[in-house]
Amino acid sequence: HIEKMDTAGAWVIDRLVSAFEKKGVEITMQGQSEIASILLGAVGDAVRREPDSGGTKPPNIIIRALEAVGRRVYE
């Protein structure tokens, strides 16, 4: 049972769910708080979103995902 989650935790969960789903495993998450659901959705959207054209990309996917989530929270 997870009681608290930050962006990094949501990112790890998103990566694990994606990896299992690619292997054909059906994943169902239940019991998360409304805030955790929002965070998981925002992280998932940020990871899957196309990078903006122009400019340079940060060095790795973790930084790009966290940057995208930060930008969405700021908006």
Protein backbone atom coordinates (compact mmCIF):
# COMPACT_ATOMS: atom_id res chain seq x y z
CA HIS A 1 0.00 0.00 0.00
CA ILE A 2 1.54 3.30 -1.11
CA GLU A 3 0.62 6.27 1.07
CA LYS A 4 2.77 9.03 -0.46
CA MET A 5 4.25 9.46 -3.92
CA ASP A 6 6.44 12.04 -5.61
CA THR A 7 7.14 12.62 -9.30
CA ALA A 8 10.01 10.15 -9.36
CA GLY A 9 7.83 7.45 -7.81
CA ALA A 10 5.08 8.12 -10.34
CA TRP A 11 7.66 7.89 -13.13
CA VAL A 12 8.90 4.50 -11.86
CA ILE A 13 5.33 3.19 -11.64
CA ASP A 14 4.60 4.47 -15.17
CA ARG A 15 7.73 2.74 -16.54
CA LEU A 16 6.86 -0.54 -14.80
CA VAL A 17 3.26 -0.48 -16.03
CA SER A 18 4.41 0.30 -19.58
CA ALA A 19 6.97 -2.52 -19.51
CA PHE A 20 4.41 -5.07 -18.31
CA GLU A 21 1.77 -3.89 -20.80
CA LYS A 22 4.26 -4.25 -23.67
CA LYS A 23 4.62 -7.90 -22.62
CA GLY A 24 0.84 -8.37 -22.72
CA VAL A 25 0.23 -8.22 -18.97
CA GLU A 26 -2.97 -6.40 -18.01
CA ILE A 27 -2.33 -3.93 -15.17
CA THR A 28 -5.05 -2.53 -12.93
CA MET A 29 -4.25 0.10 -10.34
CA GLN A 30 -6.71 0.71 -7.56
CA GLY A 31 -7.01 2.53 -4.29
CA GLN A 32 -4.81 5.50 -5.16
CA SER A 33 -5.83 8.94 -3.94
CA GLU A 34 -7.17 11.55 -6.34
CA ILE A 35 -3.87 13.44 -6.11
CA ALA A 36 -1.87 10.28 -6.88
CA SER A 37 -4.11 9.63 -9.90
CA ILE A 38 -3.52 13.17 -11.16
CA LEU A 39 0.25 12.83 -10.66
CA LEU A 40 0.36 9.44 -12.41
CA GLY A 41 -1.64 10.85 -15.32
CA ALA A 42 0.56 13.93 -15.62
CA VAL A 43 3.75 11.87 -15.57
CA GLY A 44 2.34 9.43 -18.14
CA ASP A 45 1.29 12.29 -20.41
CA ALA A 46 4.68 13.97 -20.07
CA VAL A 47 6.61 10.80 -20.86
CA ARG A 48 4.52 10.10 -23.96
CA ARG A 49 4.33 13.67 -25.23
CA GLU A 50 6.33 14.64 -28.29
CA PRO A 51 9.28 16.89 -27.47
CA ASP A 52 8.89 20.50 -28.56
CA SER A 53 10.59 21.26 -31.85
CA GLY A 54 13.57 23.59 -31.74
CA GLY A 55 15.92 23.97 -28.84
CA THR A 56 18.09 21.26 -27.40
CA LYS A 57 16.89 18.28 -25.40
CA PRO A 58 18.08 17.73 -21.84
CA PRO A 59 20.57 14.85 -21.59
CA ASN A 60 18.31 11.92 -20.67
CA ILE A 61 14.71 10.72 -20.52
CA ILE A 62 14.40 11.14 -16.75
CA ILE A 63 15.30 14.82 -16.93
CA ARG A 64 13.07 15.31 -19.99
CA ALA A 65 10.12 13.64 -18.18
CA LEU A 66 10.61 15.68 -15.02
CA GLU A 67 10.99 18.88 -17.04
CA ALA A 68 7.77 18.15 -18.94
CA VAL A 69 5.86 17.46 -15.70
CA GLY A 70 7.24 20.65 -14.18
CA ARG A 71 6.14 22.67 -17.19
CA ARG A 72 2.62 21.21 -17.02
CA VAL A 73 2.34 21.92 -13.30
CA TYR A 74 3.52 25.49 -13.91
CA GLU A 75 0.96 26.02 -16.72
